[in-house]
PDB file of all heavy atoms in Angstrom:
ATOM      1  N   ARG A   1     -70.563 -69.909  -2.464  1.00  0.00           N
ATOM      2  CA  ARG A   1     -71.978 -70.022  -2.303  1.00  0.00           C
ATOM      3  C   ARG A   1     -72.722 -68.702  -2.421  1.00  0.00           C
ATOM      4  O   ARG A   1     -73.911 -68.669  -2.757  1.00  0.00           O
ATOM      5  CB  ARG A   1     -72.289 -70.612  -0.900  1.00  0.00           C
ATOM      6  CG  ARG A   1     -72.032 -72.108  -0.808  1.00  0.00           C
ATOM      7  CD  ARG A   1     -72.568 -72.667   0.510  1.00  0.00           C
ATOM      8  NE  ARG A   1     -72.308 -74.088   0.522  1.00  0.00           N
ATOM      9  CZ  ARG A   1     -71.611 -74.759   1.420  1.00  0.00           C
ATOM     10  NH1 ARG A   1     -71.068 -74.068   2.419  1.00  0.00           N
ATOM     11  NH2 ARG A   1     -71.432 -76.019   1.349  1.00  0.00           N
ATOM     12  N   GLN A   2     -72.024 -67.624  -2.165  1.00  0.00           N
ATOM     13  CA  GLN A   2     -72.584 -66.304  -2.222  1.00  0.00           C
ATOM     14  C   GLN A   2     -72.615 -65.732  -3.669  1.00  0.00           C
ATOM     15  O   GLN A   2     -73.252 -64.684  -3.903  1.00  0.00           O
ATOM     16  CB  GLN A   2     -71.904 -65.279  -1.273  1.00  0.00           C
ATOM     17  CG  GLN A   2     -72.056 -65.721   0.171  1.00  0.00           C
ATOM     18  CD  GLN A   2     -71.222 -64.850   1.055  1.00  0.00           C
ATOM     19  OE1 GLN A   2     -70.746 -63.791   0.693  1.00  0.00           O
ATOM     20  NE2 GLN A   2     -71.084 -65.318   2.303  1.00  0.00           N
ATOM     21  N   MET A   3     -71.983 -66.406  -4.616  1.00  0.00           N
ATOM     22  CA  MET A   3     -71.886 -65.902  -5.947  1.00  0.00           C
ATOM     23  C   MET A   3     -73.101 -66.343  -6.783  1.00  0.00           C
ATOM     24  O   MET A   3     -73.616 -67.463  -6.511  1.00  0.00           O
ATOM     25  CB  MET A   3     -70.605 -66.381  -6.586  1.00  0.00           C
ATOM     26  CG  MET A   3     -69.315 -65.808  -5.955  1.00  0.00           C
ATOM     27  SD  MET A   3     -67.799 -66.526  -6.642  1.00  0.00           S
ATOM     28  CE  MET A   3     -67.711 -65.448  -8.084  1.00  0.00           C
ATOM     29  N   THR A   4     -73.420 -65.565  -7.725  1.00  0.00           N
ATOM     30  CA  THR A   4     -74.555 -65.894  -8.610  1.00  0.00           C
ATOM     31  C   THR A   4     -74.029 -66.957  -9.629  1.00  0.00           C
ATOM     32  O   THR A   4     -72.835 -67.108  -9.823  1.00  0.00           O
ATOM     33  CB  THR A   4     -75.048 -64.661  -9.364  1.00  0.00           C
ATOM     34  OG1 THR A   4     -74.038 -64.206 -10.270  1.00  0.00           O
ATOM     35  CG2 THR A   4     -75.514 -63.544  -8.424  1.00  0.00           C
ATOM     36  N   GLY A   5     -74.980 -67.520 -10.332  1.00  0.00           N
ATOM     37  CA  GLY A   5     -74.635 -68.461 -11.406  1.00  0.00           C
ATOM     38  C   GLY A   5     -73.843 -67.818 -12.442  1.00  0.00           C
ATOM     39  O   GLY A   5     -72.880 -68.421 -12.995  1.00  0.00           O
ATOM     40  N   GLU A   6     -74.185 -66.601 -12.790  1.00  0.00           N
ATOM     41  CA  GLU A   6     -73.401 -65.803 -13.771  1.00  0.00           C
ATOM     42  C   GLU A   6     -71.969 -65.568 -13.347  1.00  0.00           C
ATOM     43  O   GLU A   6     -71.039 -65.660 -14.161  1.00  0.00           O
ATOM     44  CB  GLU A   6     -74.142 -64.507 -14.086  1.00  0.00           C
ATOM     45  CG  GLU A   6     -73.586 -63.737 -15.246  1.00  0.00           C
ATOM     46  CD  GLU A   6     -74.448 -62.481 -15.487  1.00  0.00           C
ATOM     47  OE1 GLU A   6     -75.568 -62.598 -16.007  1.00  0.00           O
ATOM     48  OE2 GLU A   6     -73.922 -61.378 -15.183  1.00  0.00           O
ATOM     49  N   GLU A   7     -71.790 -65.179 -12.077  1.00  0.00           N
ATOM     50  CA  GLU A   7     -70.483 -64.932 -11.542  1.00  0.00           C
ATOM     51  C   GLU A   7     -69.635 -66.243 -11.541  1.00  0.00           C
ATOM     52  O   GLU A   7     -68.442 -66.213 -11.902  1.00  0.00           O
ATOM     53  CB  GLU A   7     -70.605 -64.377 -10.124  1.00  0.00           C
ATOM     54  CG  GLU A   7     -71.141 -62.932 -10.077  1.00  0.00           C
ATOM     55  CD  GLU A   7     -71.407 -62.446  -8.695  1.00  0.00           C
ATOM     56  OE1 GLU A   7     -71.835 -63.246  -7.867  1.00  0.00           O
ATOM     57  OE2 GLU A   7     -71.192 -61.236  -8.489  1.00  0.00           O
ATOM     58  N   LEU A   8     -70.256 -67.336 -11.192  1.00  0.00           N
ATOM     59  CA  LEU A   8     -69.548 -68.617 -11.168  1.00  0.00           C
ATOM     60  C   LEU A   8     -69.132 -69.029 -12.599  1.00  0.00           C
ATOM     61  O   LEU A   8     -68.013 -69.517 -12.805  1.00  0.00           O
ATOM     62  CB  LEU A   8     -70.431 -69.692 -10.535  1.00  0.00           C
ATOM     63  CG  LEU A   8     -70.578 -69.585  -9.030  1.00  0.00           C
ATOM     64  CD1 LEU A   8     -71.668 -70.519  -8.550  1.00  0.00           C
ATOM     65  CD2 LEU A   8     -69.303 -69.737  -8.281  1.00  0.00           C
ATOM     66  N   ALA A   9     -70.030 -68.800 -13.542  1.00  0.00           N
ATOM     67  CA  ALA A   9     -69.703 -69.124 -14.933  1.00  0.00           C
ATOM     68  C   ALA A   9     -68.534 -68.259 -15.454  1.00  0.00           C
ATOM     69  O   ALA A   9     -67.600 -68.763 -16.108  1.00  0.00           O
ATOM     70  CB  ALA A   9     -70.912 -68.911 -15.832  1.00  0.00           C
ATOM     71  N   PHE A  10     -68.502 -66.981 -15.055  1.00  0.00           N
ATOM     72  CA  PHE A  10     -67.458 -66.099 -15.456  1.00  0.00           C
ATOM     73  C   PHE A  10     -66.087 -66.595 -14.846  1.00  0.00           C
ATOM     74  O   PHE A  10     -65.058 -66.730 -15.469  1.00  0.00           O
ATOM     75  CB  PHE A  10     -67.672 -64.648 -14.978  1.00  0.00           C
ATOM     76  CG  PHE A  10     -66.512 -63.788 -15.166  1.00  0.00           C
ATOM     77  CD1 PHE A  10     -66.188 -63.203 -16.415  1.00  0.00           C
ATOM     78  CD2 PHE A  10     -65.597 -63.546 -14.115  1.00  0.00           C
ATOM     79  CE1 PHE A  10     -65.102 -62.465 -16.617  1.00  0.00           C
ATOM     80  CE2 PHE A  10     -64.465 -62.732 -14.277  1.00  0.00           C
ATOM     81  CZ  PHE A  10     -64.204 -62.187 -15.548  1.00  0.00           C
ATOM     82  N   LEU A  11     -66.133 -66.960 -13.596  1.00  0.00           N
ATOM     83  CA  LEU A  11     -64.960 -67.430 -12.849  1.00  0.00           C
ATOM     84  C   LEU A  11     -64.422 -68.733 -13.520  1.00  0.00           C
ATOM     85  O   LEU A  11     -63.246 -68.891 -13.752  1.00  0.00           O
ATOM     86  CB  LEU A  11     -65.306 -67.657 -11.378  1.00  0.00           C
ATOM     87  CG  LEU A  11     -64.153 -68.063 -10.450  1.00  0.00           C
ATOM     88  CD1 LEU A  11     -63.038 -67.046 -10.530  1.00  0.00           C
ATOM     89  CD2 LEU A  11     -64.675 -68.233  -9.040  1.00  0.00           C
ATOM     90  N   ARG A  12     -65.371 -69.655 -13.748  1.00  0.00           N
ATOM     91  CA  ARG A  12     -65.000 -70.897 -14.438  1.00  0.00           C
ATOM     92  C   ARG A  12     -64.335 -70.664 -15.727  1.00  0.00           C
ATOM     93  O   ARG A  12     -63.282 -71.276 -16.041  1.00  0.00           O
ATOM     94  CB  ARG A  12     -66.253 -71.791 -14.617  1.00  0.00           C
ATOM     95  CG  ARG A  12     -65.977 -73.121 -15.237  1.00  0.00           C
ATOM     96  CD  ARG A  12     -67.255 -73.711 -15.893  1.00  0.00           C
ATOM     97  NE  ARG A  12     -67.745 -72.831 -16.921  1.00  0.00           N
ATOM     98  CZ  ARG A  12     -69.061 -72.659 -17.199  1.00  0.00           C
ATOM     99  NH1 ARG A  12     -69.965 -73.278 -16.526  1.00  0.00           N
ATOM    100  NH2 ARG A  12     -69.475 -71.825 -18.160  1.00  0.00           N
ATOM    101  N   ASP A  13     -64.938 -69.838 -16.588  1.00  0.00           N
ATOM    102  CA  ASP A  13     -64.402 -69.510 -17.913  1.00  0.00           C
ATOM    103  C   ASP A  13     -63.057 -68.860 -17.789  1.00  0.00           C
ATOM    104  O   ASP A  13     -62.076 -69.120 -18.567  1.00  0.00           O
ATOM    105  CB  ASP A  13     -65.344 -68.678 -18.721  1.00  0.00           C
ATOM    106  CG  ASP A  13     -66.606 -69.454 -19.028  1.00  0.00           C
ATOM    107  OD1 ASP A  13     -66.594 -70.706 -18.942  1.00  0.00           O
ATOM    108  OD2 ASP A  13     -67.610 -68.816 -19.419  1.00  0.00           O
ATOM    109  N   PHE A  14     -62.882 -67.895 -16.892  1.00  0.00           N
ATOM    110  CA  PHE A  14     -61.636 -67.220 -16.641  1.00  0.00           C
ATOM    111  C   PHE A  14     -60.562 -68.174 -16.267  1.00  0.00           C
ATOM    112  O   PHE A  14     -59.426 -68.153 -16.817  1.00  0.00           O
ATOM    113  CB  PHE A  14     -61.842 -66.118 -15.535  1.00  0.00           C
ATOM    114  CG  PHE A  14     -60.533 -65.441 -15.160  1.00  0.00           C
ATOM    115  CD1 PHE A  14     -60.086 -64.395 -15.969  1.00  0.00           C
ATOM    116  CD2 PHE A  14     -59.827 -65.822 -14.033  1.00  0.00           C
ATOM    117  CE1 PHE A  14     -58.864 -63.767 -15.662  1.00  0.00           C
ATOM    118  CE2 PHE A  14     -58.698 -65.223 -13.660  1.00  0.00           C
ATOM    119  CZ  PHE A  14     -58.149 -64.113 -14.492  1.00  0.00           C
ATOM    120  N   MET A  15     -60.852 -69.095 -15.343  1.00  0.00           N
ATOM    121  CA  MET A  15     -59.851 -70.082 -14.912  1.00  0.00           C
ATOM    122  C   MET A  15     -59.523 -71.053 -16.066  1.00  0.00           C
ATOM    123  O   MET A  15     -58.346 -71.435 -16.204  1.00  0.00           O
ATOM    124  CB  MET A  15     -60.355 -70.828 -13.712  1.00  0.00           C
ATOM    125  CG  MET A  15     -60.460 -69.861 -12.507  1.00  0.00           C
ATOM    126  SD  MET A  15     -61.129 -70.680 -11.032  1.00  0.00           S
ATOM    127  CE  MET A  15     -59.691 -71.613 -10.484  1.00  0.00           C
ATOM    128  N   ARG A  16     -60.465 -71.447 -16.838  1.00  0.00           N
ATOM    129  CA  ARG A  16     -60.224 -72.373 -17.992  1.00  0.00           C
ATOM    130  C   ARG A  16     -59.355 -71.705 -19.017  1.00  0.00           C
ATOM    131  O   ARG A  16     -58.335 -72.313 -19.494  1.00  0.00           O
ATOM    132  CB  ARG A  16     -61.555 -72.760 -18.645  1.00  0.00           C
ATOM    133  CG  ARG A  16     -61.312 -73.772 -19.820  1.00  0.00           C
ATOM    134  CD  ARG A  16     -62.592 -74.136 -20.544  1.00  0.00           C
ATOM    135  NE  ARG A  16     -63.488 -74.792 -19.610  1.00  0.00           N
ATOM    136  CZ  ARG A  16     -64.807 -74.485 -19.525  1.00  0.00           C
ATOM    137  NH1 ARG A  16     -65.342 -73.545 -20.267  1.00  0.00           N
ATOM    138  NH2 ARG A  16     -65.556 -75.125 -18.687  1.00  0.00           N
ATOM    139  N   ARG A  17     -59.601 -70.427 -19.323  1.00  0.00           N
ATOM    140  CA  ARG A  17     -58.758 -69.689 -20.283  1.00  0.00           C
ATOM    141  C   ARG A  17     -57.339 -69.542 -19.742  1.00  0.00           C
ATOM    142  O   ARG A  17     -56.377 -69.601 -20.477  1.00  0.00           O
ATOM    143  CB  ARG A  17     -59.405 -68.349 -20.640  1.00  0.00           C
ATOM    144  CG  ARG A  17     -60.648 -68.466 -21.568  1.00  0.00           C
ATOM    145  CD  ARG A  17     -61.032 -67.165 -22.114  1.00  0.00           C
ATOM    146  NE  ARG A  17     -61.251 -66.098 -21.131  1.00  0.00           N
ATOM    147  CZ  ARG A  17     -62.410 -65.864 -20.481  1.00  0.00           C
ATOM    148  NH1 ARG A  17     -63.499 -66.672 -20.715  1.00  0.00           N
ATOM    149  NH2 ARG A  17     -62.471 -64.922 -19.594  1.00  0.00           N
ATOM    150  N   GLY A  18     -57.233 -69.301 -18.471  1.00  0.00           N
ATOM    151  CA  GLY A  18     -55.882 -69.123 -17.833  1.00  0.00           C
ATOM    152  C   GLY A  18     -55.144 -70.418 -17.910  1.00  0.00           C
ATOM    153  O   GLY A  18     -53.908 -70.462 -18.170  1.00  0.00           O
ATOM    154  N   ARG A  19     -55.809 -71.534 -17.702  1.00  0.00           N
ATOM    155  CA  ARG A  19     -55.135 -72.843 -17.753  1.00  0.00           C
ATOM    156  C   ARG A  19     -54.679 -73.105 -19.211  1.00  0.00           C
ATOM    157  O   ARG A  19     -53.507 -73.536 -19.436  1.00  0.00           O
ATOM    158  CB  ARG A  19     -56.057 -73.977 -17.324  1.00  0.00           C
ATOM    159  CG  ARG A  19     -55.328 -75.342 -17.239  1.00  0.00           C
ATOM    160  CD  ARG A  19     -56.344 -76.503 -17.149  1.00  0.00           C
ATOM    161  NE  ARG A  19     -57.032 -76.641 -18.400  1.00  0.00           N
ATOM    162  CZ  ARG A  19     -58.341 -76.736 -18.530  1.00  0.00           C
ATOM    163  NH1 ARG A  19     -59.088 -76.684 -17.425  1.00  0.00           N
ATOM    164  NH2 ARG A  19     -58.900 -76.868 -19.683  1.00  0.00           N
ATOM    165  N   GLU A  20     -55.574 -72.832 -20.150  1.00  0.00           N
ATOM    166  CA  GLU A  20     -55.207 -73.067 -21.532  1.00  0.00           C
ATOM    167  C   GLU A  20     -54.004 -72.174 -21.993  1.00  0.00           C
ATOM    168  O   GLU A  20     -53.122 -72.658 -22.697  1.00  0.00           O
ATOM    169  CB  GLU A  20     -56.412 -72.758 -22.458  1.00  0.00           C
ATOM    170  CG  GLU A  20     -57.510 -73.788 -22.292  1.00  0.00           C
ATOM    171  CD  GLU A  20     -58.853 -73.375 -22.900  1.00  0.00           C
ATOM    172  OE1 GLU A  20     -58.976 -72.222 -23.398  1.00  0.00           O
ATOM    173  OE2 GLU A  20     -59.789 -74.241 -22.929  1.00  0.00           O
ATOM    174  N   LEU A  21     -53.930 -70.922 -21.469  1.00  0.00           N
ATOM    175  CA  LEU A  21     -52.846 -70.048 -21.800  1.00  0.00           C
ATOM    176  C   LEU A  21     -51.546 -70.663 -21.274  1.00  0.00           C
ATOM    177  O   LEU A  21     -50.545 -70.764 -21.947  1.00  0.00           O
ATOM    178  CB  LEU A  21     -53.102 -68.645 -21.179  1.00  0.00           C
ATOM    179  CG  LEU A  21     -51.933 -67.647 -21.410  1.00  0.00           C
ATOM    180  CD1 LEU A  21     -52.584 -66.302 -21.756  1.00  0.00           C
ATOM    181  CD2 LEU A  21     -51.161 -67.536 -20.133  1.00  0.00           C
ATOM    182  N   GLN A  22     -51.580 -71.136 -19.983  1.00  0.00           N
ATOM    183  CA  GLN A  22     -50.417 -71.722 -19.361  1.00  0.00           C
ATOM    184  C   GLN A  22     -49.962 -72.945 -20.133  1.00  0.00           C
ATOM    185  O   GLN A  22     -48.737 -73.192 -20.369  1.00  0.00           O
ATOM    186  CB  GLN A  22     -50.641 -72.067 -17.915  1.00  0.00           C
ATOM    187  CG  GLN A  22     -50.895 -70.827 -17.042  1.00  0.00           C
ATOM    188  CD  GLN A  22     -49.668 -69.998 -16.899  1.00  0.00           C
ATOM    189  OE1 GLN A  22     -48.546 -70.471 -16.851  1.00  0.00           O
ATOM    190  NE2 GLN A  22     -49.898 -68.711 -16.863  1.00  0.00           N
ATOM    191  N   GLU A  23     -50.885 -73.754 -20.544  1.00  0.00           N
ATOM    192  CA  GLU A  23     -50.568 -75.013 -21.243  1.00  0.00           C
ATOM    193  C   GLU A  23     -49.901 -74.663 -22.658  1.00  0.00           C
ATOM    194  O   GLU A  23     -48.923 -75.292 -23.042  1.00  0.00           O
ATOM    195  CB  GLU A  23     -51.804 -75.886 -21.522  1.00  0.00           C
ATOM    196  CG  GLU A  23     -52.320 -76.489 -20.190  1.00  0.00           C
ATOM    197  CD  GLU A  23     -53.647 -77.181 -20.385  1.00  0.00           C
ATOM    198  OE1 GLU A  23     -54.363 -77.002 -21.354  1.00  0.00           O
ATOM    199  OE2 GLU A  23     -54.027 -77.912 -19.437  1.00  0.00           O
ATOM    200  N   ARG A  24     -50.506 -73.673 -23.349  1.00  0.00           N
ATOM    201  CA  ARG A  24     -49.864 -73.266 -24.589  1.00  0.00           C
ATOM    202  C   ARG A  24     -48.427 -72.863 -24.434  1.00  0.00           C
ATOM    203  O   ARG A  24     -47.539 -73.213 -25.195  1.00  0.00           O
ATOM    204  CB  ARG A  24     -50.655 -72.138 -25.281  1.00  0.00           C
ATOM    205  CG  ARG A  24     -51.890 -72.542 -26.034  1.00  0.00           C
ATOM    206  CD  ARG A  24     -52.461 -71.450 -26.902  1.00  0.00           C
ATOM    207  NE  ARG A  24     -52.652 -70.127 -26.201  1.00  0.00           N
ATOM    208  CZ  ARG A  24     -53.729 -69.822 -25.506  1.00  0.00           C
ATOM    209  NH1 ARG A  24     -54.681 -70.706 -25.328  1.00  0.00           N
ATOM    210  NH2 ARG A  24     -53.777 -68.630 -24.927  1.00  0.00           N
ATOM    211  N   HIS A  25     -48.201 -72.009 -23.424  1.00  0.00           N
ATOM    212  CA  HIS A  25     -46.850 -71.525 -23.200  1.00  0.00           C
ATOM    213  C   HIS A  25     -45.963 -72.531 -22.649  1.00  0.00           C
ATOM    214  O   HIS A  25     -44.692 -72.456 -22.965  1.00  0.00           O
ATOM    215  CB  HIS A  25     -46.871 -70.234 -22.346  1.00  0.00           C
ATOM    216  CG  HIS A  25     -47.401 -69.103 -23.142  1.00  0.00           C
ATOM    217  ND1 HIS A  25     -46.609 -68.302 -23.956  1.00  0.00           N
ATOM    218  CD2 HIS A  25     -48.639 -68.522 -23.264  1.00  0.00           C
ATOM    219  CE1 HIS A  25     -47.277 -67.384 -24.587  1.00  0.00           C
ATOM    220  NE2 HIS A  25     -48.566 -67.493 -24.201  1.00  0.00           N
ATOM    221  N   ALA A  26     -46.451 -73.507 -21.911  1.00  0.00           N
ATOM    222  CA  ALA A  26     -45.563 -74.612 -21.475  1.00  0.00           C
ATOM    223  C   ALA A  26     -45.072 -75.396 -22.665  1.00  0.00           C
ATOM    224  O   ALA A  26     -43.906 -75.789 -22.773  1.00  0.00           O
ATOM    225  CB  ALA A  26     -46.370 -75.554 -20.540  1.00  0.00           C
ATOM    226  N   LEU A  27     -45.943 -75.618 -23.674  1.00  0.00           N
ATOM    227  CA  LEU A  27     -45.527 -76.298 -24.910  1.00  0.00           C
ATOM    228  C   LEU A  27     -44.495 -75.487 -25.627  1.00  0.00           C
ATOM    229  O   LEU A  27     -43.528 -75.983 -26.172  1.00  0.00           O
ATOM    230  CB  LEU A  27     -46.740 -76.569 -25.752  1.00  0.00           C
ATOM    231  CG  LEU A  27     -47.686 -77.618 -25.248  1.00  0.00           C
ATOM    232  CD1 LEU A  27     -48.992 -77.706 -26.134  1.00  0.00           C
ATOM    233  CD2 LEU A  27     -47.074 -79.017 -25.191  1.00  0.00           C
ATOM    234  N   ARG A  28     -44.753 -74.155 -25.712  1.00  0.00           N
ATOM    235  CA  ARG A  28     -43.795 -73.264 -26.415  1.00  0.00           C
ATOM    236  C   ARG A  28     -42.458 -73.312 -25.732  1.00  0.00           C
ATOM    237  O   ARG A  28     -41.399 -73.444 -26.413  1.00  0.00           O
ATOM    238  CB  ARG A  28     -44.366 -71.816 -26.392  1.00  0.00           C
ATOM    239  CG  ARG A  28     -43.456 -70.820 -27.036  1.00  0.00           C
ATOM    240  CD  ARG A  28     -43.992 -69.394 -26.872  1.00  0.00           C
ATOM    241  NE  ARG A  28     -44.081 -68.963 -25.505  1.00  0.00           N
ATOM    242  CZ  ARG A  28     -43.081 -68.524 -24.752  1.00  0.00           C
ATOM    243  NH1 ARG A  28     -41.851 -68.469 -25.229  1.00  0.00           N
ATOM    244  NH2 ARG A  28     -43.288 -68.139 -23.486  1.00  0.00           N
ATOM    245  N   ILE A  29     -42.467 -73.299 -24.417  1.00  0.00           N
ATOM    246  CA  ILE A  29     -41.152 -73.280 -23.685  1.00  0.00           C
ATOM    247  C   ILE A  29     -40.435 -74.601 -23.843  1.00  0.00           C
ATOM    248  O   ILE A  29     -39.272 -74.669 -24.078  1.00  0.00           O
ATOM    249  CB  ILE A  29     -41.383 -72.888 -22.211  1.00  0.00           C
ATOM    250  CG1 ILE A  29     -41.799 -71.472 -22.122  1.00  0.00           C
ATOM    251  CG2 ILE A  29     -40.111 -73.176 -21.381  1.00  0.00           C
ATOM    252  CD1 ILE A  29     -42.454 -71.039 -20.780  1.00  0.00           C
TER     253      ILE A  29
END
């Protein structure tokens, strides 16, 4: 709640990219 919209968007995108990275490597493994 204390984060700005910009900070929340950054966090959302960071987490999405991290999930995508994990999914790619799970397929590779």
